[in-house]
C-alpha cells in the first residue's frame, strides 16, 4: 500500500490547508484517500453541533456498534477549521509529523 511521504507530499497538505472543501488535485485526492482509512479502526470525524456555527470532533470506534467518543472541549467556528484539524491529526498518525496548527488564507 502507498504511504504518504511527508517531504514529497507536503505540497498537498498546503493545498488542503488553503482549500479544505471542494475540488482537489489528483495528488491531494490520493493523499486524502490514504488518510481516510485508519488501520486501527479508530477514525476522527467532524460532527456539526449547531448548523453553520459549531463543529466538534469525535472518534468512531472500530466496532461501529460501540458509542462515538465526542471531544466536547474542542470546537470550531467554521467547518474549514474542523476539516484542517482532522487533516492534521490524520497526517500526524500517518507520517509522525506535526503540521502547523494555523488555518491561514
N, C-alpha and C. Protein backbone atom coordinates (compact mmCIF):
# COMPACT_ATOMS: atom_id res chain seq x y z
N UNK A 1 0.83 -1.18 0.00
CA UNK A 1 0.00 0.00 0.00
C UNK A 1 0.88 1.25 0.00
N UNK A 2 0.43 2.27 -0.69
CA UNK A 2 1.16 3.52 -0.76
C UNK A 2 1.18 4.20 0.60
N UNK A 3 2.31 4.79 0.94
CA UNK A 3 2.44 5.57 2.17
C UNK A 3 2.69 7.02 1.80
N UNK A 4 2.27 7.89 2.68
CA UNK A 4 2.49 9.32 2.46
C UNK A 4 3.94 9.65 2.78
N UNK A 5 4.59 10.38 1.90
CA UNK A 5 5.94 10.86 2.11
C UNK A 5 5.83 12.29 2.63
N UNK A 6 6.18 12.54 3.90
CA UNK A 6 5.97 13.87 4.46
C UNK A 6 6.71 14.98 3.73
N UNK A 7 7.77 14.66 3.02
CA UNK A 7 8.51 15.69 2.29
C UNK A 7 7.90 15.90 0.91
N UNK A 8 7.79 14.83 0.14
CA UNK A 8 7.28 14.97 -1.23
C UNK A 8 5.80 15.27 -1.30
N UNK A 9 5.04 14.86 -0.28
CA UNK A 9 3.60 15.10 -0.29
C UNK A 9 3.21 16.36 0.48
N UNK A 10 4.17 17.07 1.04
CA UNK A 10 3.88 18.30 1.80
C UNK A 10 3.10 19.33 0.98
N UNK A 11 3.37 19.51 -0.32
CA UNK A 11 2.57 20.48 -1.08
C UNK A 11 1.07 20.17 -1.06
N UNK A 12 0.72 18.90 -0.92
CA UNK A 12 -0.70 18.54 -0.88
C UNK A 12 -1.32 18.92 0.46
N UNK A 13 -0.53 18.88 1.53
CA UNK A 13 -1.03 19.35 2.82
C UNK A 13 -1.30 20.84 2.75
N UNK A 14 -0.41 21.58 2.09
CA UNK A 14 -0.62 23.02 1.92
C UNK A 14 -1.83 23.30 1.05
N UNK A 15 -2.01 22.50 0.00
CA UNK A 15 -3.19 22.66 -0.84
C UNK A 15 -4.46 22.45 -0.02
N UNK A 16 -4.48 21.44 0.82
CA UNK A 16 -5.66 21.17 1.65
C UNK A 16 -5.88 22.31 2.64
N UNK A 17 -4.80 22.80 3.24
CA UNK A 17 -4.91 23.90 4.21
C UNK A 17 -5.59 25.11 3.57
N UNK A 18 -5.21 25.40 2.33
CA UNK A 18 -5.77 26.55 1.62
C UNK A 18 -7.21 26.31 1.17
N UNK A 19 -7.51 25.08 0.75
CA UNK A 19 -8.83 24.74 0.20
C UNK A 19 -9.29 23.37 0.72
N UNK A 20 -9.76 23.32 1.96
CA UNK A 20 -10.14 22.02 2.52
C UNK A 20 -11.43 21.44 1.93
N UNK A 21 -12.25 22.30 1.34
CA UNK A 21 -13.53 21.85 0.80
C UNK A 21 -13.56 22.17 -0.70
N UNK A 22 -14.01 21.21 -1.48
CA UNK A 22 -14.13 21.46 -2.92
C UNK A 22 -13.24 20.54 -3.72
N UNK A 23 -13.05 20.89 -4.98
CA UNK A 23 -12.22 20.08 -5.86
C UNK A 23 -10.77 20.10 -5.44
N UNK A 24 -10.14 18.94 -5.56
CA UNK A 24 -8.72 18.81 -5.20
C UNK A 24 -7.94 18.23 -6.36
N UNK A 25 -6.65 18.49 -6.35
CA UNK A 25 -5.77 17.94 -7.37
C UNK A 25 -5.70 16.43 -7.23
N UNK A 26 -5.25 15.74 -8.30
CA UNK A 26 -5.11 14.28 -8.19
C UNK A 26 -4.17 13.86 -7.06
N UNK A 27 -3.10 14.63 -6.83
CA UNK A 27 -2.16 14.29 -5.76
C UNK A 27 -2.81 14.39 -4.39
N UNK A 28 -3.57 15.46 -4.16
CA UNK A 28 -4.25 15.61 -2.88
C UNK A 28 -5.34 14.56 -2.74
N UNK A 29 -6.03 14.24 -3.80
CA UNK A 29 -7.05 13.19 -3.75
C UNK A 29 -6.44 11.87 -3.31
N UNK A 30 -5.24 11.56 -3.82
CA UNK A 30 -4.52 10.34 -3.42
C UNK A 30 -4.19 10.38 -1.94
N UNK A 31 -3.67 11.51 -1.45
CA UNK A 31 -3.31 11.64 -0.04
C UNK A 31 -4.56 11.50 0.83
N UNK A 32 -5.65 12.14 0.45
CA UNK A 32 -6.89 12.05 1.23
C UNK A 32 -7.42 10.63 1.27
N UNK A 33 -7.29 9.91 0.18
CA UNK A 33 -7.75 8.52 0.15
C UNK A 33 -7.00 7.68 1.18
N UNK A 34 -5.72 7.94 1.33
CA UNK A 34 -4.91 7.22 2.31
C UNK A 34 -5.29 7.63 3.72
N UNK A 35 -5.47 8.93 3.94
CA UNK A 35 -5.77 9.43 5.29
C UNK A 35 -7.16 9.04 5.78
N UNK A 36 -8.04 8.70 4.88
CA UNK A 36 -9.41 8.35 5.27
C UNK A 36 -9.52 6.96 5.89
N UNK A 37 -8.49 6.17 5.79
CA UNK A 37 -8.51 4.81 6.35
C UNK A 37 -7.52 4.75 7.50
N UNK A 38 -8.02 4.47 8.69
CA UNK A 38 -7.16 4.31 9.85
C UNK A 38 -7.04 2.82 10.13
N UNK A 39 -5.85 2.25 10.06
CA UNK A 39 -5.70 0.81 10.24
C UNK A 39 -6.12 0.32 11.63
N UNK A 40 -6.16 1.21 12.62
CA UNK A 40 -6.59 0.81 13.96
C UNK A 40 -8.11 0.71 14.05
N UNK A 41 -8.81 1.29 13.08
CA UNK A 41 -10.26 1.29 13.11
C UNK A 41 -10.85 2.51 13.80
N UNK A 42 -10.03 3.24 14.54
CA UNK A 42 -10.49 4.47 15.19
C UNK A 42 -10.38 5.61 14.18
N UNK A 43 -11.49 6.26 13.89
CA UNK A 43 -11.49 7.30 12.88
C UNK A 43 -11.94 8.62 13.48
N UNK A 44 -11.12 9.67 13.35
CA UNK A 44 -11.51 11.00 13.81
C UNK A 44 -12.49 11.57 12.78
N UNK A 45 -13.61 12.09 13.28
CA UNK A 45 -14.64 12.63 12.40
C UNK A 45 -15.08 14.00 12.90
N UNK A 46 -15.80 14.71 12.03
CA UNK A 46 -16.36 16.02 12.37
C UNK A 46 -17.86 15.85 12.61
N UNK A 47 -18.33 16.49 13.67
CA UNK A 47 -19.75 16.46 13.98
C UNK A 47 -20.24 17.91 14.06
N UNK A 48 -21.27 18.23 13.30
CA UNK A 48 -21.85 19.56 13.35
C UNK A 48 -22.83 19.61 14.52
N UNK A 49 -22.53 20.45 15.51
CA UNK A 49 -23.36 20.56 16.71
C UNK A 49 -24.41 21.66 16.58
N UNK A 50 -24.09 22.69 15.80
CA UNK A 50 -25.03 23.78 15.55
C UNK A 50 -24.84 24.18 14.09
N UNK A 51 -25.86 24.01 13.26
CA UNK A 51 -25.70 24.26 11.82
C UNK A 51 -25.06 25.61 11.50
N UNK A 52 -24.01 25.56 10.70
CA UNK A 52 -23.29 26.74 10.22
C UNK A 52 -22.61 27.54 11.33
N UNK A 53 -22.48 26.96 12.54
CA UNK A 53 -21.92 27.74 13.64
C UNK A 53 -20.95 26.99 14.54
N UNK A 54 -21.13 25.69 14.76
CA UNK A 54 -20.27 24.98 15.71
C UNK A 54 -20.05 23.54 15.27
N UNK A 55 -18.77 23.17 15.18
CA UNK A 55 -18.37 21.81 14.84
C UNK A 55 -17.46 21.31 15.95
N UNK A 56 -17.56 20.02 16.24
CA UNK A 56 -16.66 19.38 17.19
C UNK A 56 -16.11 18.12 16.55
N UNK A 57 -15.12 17.55 17.20
CA UNK A 57 -14.53 16.31 16.70
C UNK A 57 -14.99 15.15 17.57
N UNK A 58 -14.96 13.99 16.98
CA UNK A 58 -15.30 12.77 17.69
C UNK A 58 -14.46 11.64 17.10
N UNK A 59 -14.42 10.53 17.82
CA UNK A 59 -13.70 9.35 17.33
C UNK A 59 -14.69 8.21 17.21
N UNK A 60 -14.75 7.66 16.01
CA UNK A 60 -15.57 6.47 15.79
C UNK A 60 -14.75 5.26 16.22
N UNK A 61 -15.37 4.34 16.96
CA UNK A 61 -14.65 3.14 17.40
C UNK A 61 -14.55 2.12 16.26
N UNK A 62 -13.63 1.16 16.40
CA UNK A 62 -13.51 0.13 15.37
C UNK A 62 -14.80 -0.68 15.19
N UNK A 63 -15.47 -0.95 16.29
CA UNK A 63 -16.73 -1.68 16.23
C UNK A 63 -17.85 -0.65 16.17
N UNK A 64 -18.49 -0.54 15.03
CA UNK A 64 -19.45 0.54 14.79
C UNK A 64 -20.65 0.49 15.73
N UNK A 65 -20.89 -0.62 16.40
CA UNK A 65 -21.99 -0.69 17.36
C UNK A 65 -21.64 0.01 18.67
N UNK A 66 -20.34 0.25 18.92
CA UNK A 66 -19.90 0.94 20.12
C UNK A 66 -20.16 2.44 19.97
N UNK A 67 -20.25 3.16 21.09
CA UNK A 67 -20.57 4.59 21.00
C UNK A 67 -19.41 5.43 20.46
N UNK A 68 -19.77 6.52 19.82
CA UNK A 68 -18.80 7.50 19.35
C UNK A 68 -18.34 8.30 20.56
N UNK A 69 -17.04 8.60 20.62
CA UNK A 69 -16.48 9.39 21.72
C UNK A 69 -16.29 10.84 21.25
N UNK A 70 -17.06 11.75 21.83
CA UNK A 70 -17.01 13.17 21.44
C UNK A 70 -15.93 13.91 22.20
N UNK A 71 -15.31 14.88 21.55
CA UNK A 71 -14.33 15.77 22.17
C UNK A 71 -15.04 17.09 22.45
N UNK A 72 -15.76 17.15 23.54
CA UNK A 72 -16.55 18.33 23.84
C UNK A 72 -15.70 19.56 24.13
N UNK A 73 -14.46 19.36 24.52
CA UNK A 73 -13.59 20.50 24.81
C UNK A 73 -13.03 21.16 23.55
N UNK A 74 -13.18 20.51 22.41
CA UNK A 74 -12.68 21.04 21.15
C UNK A 74 -13.85 21.44 20.27
N UNK A 75 -13.91 22.72 19.90
CA UNK A 75 -14.97 23.14 18.98
C UNK A 75 -14.40 24.15 17.99
N UNK A 76 -15.08 24.26 16.86
CA UNK A 76 -14.62 25.13 15.78
C UNK A 76 -15.78 25.98 15.29
N UNK A 77 -15.48 27.21 14.90
CA UNK A 77 -16.50 28.13 14.41
C UNK A 77 -16.81 27.93 12.94
N UNK A 78 -15.88 27.26 12.22
CA UNK A 78 -16.11 27.00 10.80
C UNK A 78 -15.80 25.56 10.47
N UNK A 79 -16.45 25.07 9.46
CA UNK A 79 -16.18 23.70 9.00
C UNK A 79 -14.74 23.58 8.50
N UNK A 80 -14.25 24.63 7.87
CA UNK A 80 -12.88 24.60 7.33
C UNK A 80 -11.86 24.38 8.45
N UNK A 81 -12.05 25.05 9.59
CA UNK A 81 -11.14 24.86 10.71
C UNK A 81 -11.19 23.42 11.22
N UNK A 82 -12.39 22.87 11.29
CA UNK A 82 -12.54 21.48 11.74
C UNK A 82 -11.90 20.51 10.75
N UNK A 83 -12.11 20.75 9.45
CA UNK A 83 -11.51 19.90 8.42
C UNK A 83 -9.99 19.93 8.51
N UNK A 84 -9.41 21.10 8.74
CA UNK A 84 -7.96 21.23 8.84
C UNK A 84 -7.43 20.47 10.05
N UNK A 85 -8.14 20.54 11.18
CA UNK A 85 -7.70 19.82 12.37
C UNK A 85 -7.74 18.31 12.15
N UNK A 86 -8.79 17.82 11.52
CA UNK A 86 -8.87 16.38 11.22
C UNK A 86 -7.72 15.98 10.29
N UNK A 87 -7.46 16.79 9.27
CA UNK A 87 -6.35 16.50 8.35
C UNK A 87 -5.04 16.45 9.12
N UNK A 88 -4.79 17.44 9.98
CA UNK A 88 -3.54 17.49 10.76
C UNK A 88 -3.37 16.23 11.60
N UNK A 89 -4.43 15.80 12.26
CA UNK A 89 -4.35 14.61 13.11
C UNK A 89 -4.09 13.35 12.29
N UNK A 90 -4.79 13.24 11.18
CA UNK A 90 -4.59 12.06 10.33
C UNK A 90 -3.20 12.07 9.70
N UNK A 91 -2.72 13.24 9.31
CA UNK A 91 -1.36 13.36 8.75
C UNK A 91 -0.34 12.91 9.80
N UNK A 92 -0.50 13.39 11.04
CA UNK A 92 0.43 13.01 12.11
C UNK A 92 0.40 11.51 12.34
N UNK A 93 -0.79 10.90 12.33
CA UNK A 93 -0.90 9.46 12.53
C UNK A 93 -0.23 8.69 11.39
N UNK A 94 -0.32 9.21 10.18
CA UNK A 94 0.24 8.51 9.01
C UNK A 94 1.73 8.74 8.84
N UNK A 95 2.23 9.93 9.25
CA UNK A 95 3.62 10.27 8.96
C UNK A 95 4.48 10.49 10.19
N UNK A 96 3.85 10.73 11.35
CA UNK A 96 4.61 11.07 12.55
C UNK A 96 4.99 12.54 12.60
N UNK A 97 4.60 13.29 11.60
CA UNK A 97 4.97 14.71 11.50
C UNK A 97 3.80 15.60 11.91
N UNK A 98 4.11 16.64 12.70
CA UNK A 98 3.11 17.63 13.07
C UNK A 98 3.10 18.74 12.03
N UNK A 99 1.90 19.13 11.62
CA UNK A 99 1.74 20.26 10.72
C UNK A 99 1.40 21.48 11.54
N UNK A 100 1.72 22.66 11.03
CA UNK A 100 1.37 23.91 11.69
C UNK A 100 -0.13 23.94 11.99
N UNK A 101 -0.48 24.35 13.19
CA UNK A 101 -1.87 24.33 13.61
C UNK A 101 -2.73 25.44 13.05
N UNK A 102 -2.15 26.46 12.44
CA UNK A 102 -2.93 27.59 11.99
C UNK A 102 -3.57 27.35 10.65
N UNK A 103 -4.83 27.79 10.54
CA UNK A 103 -5.52 27.78 9.25
C UNK A 103 -5.44 29.20 8.73
N UNK A 104 -4.71 29.40 7.65
CA UNK A 104 -4.47 30.75 7.12
C UNK A 104 -4.95 30.82 5.69
N UNK A 105 -5.25 32.04 5.26
CA UNK A 105 -5.64 32.25 3.85
C UNK A 105 -4.45 32.57 3.01
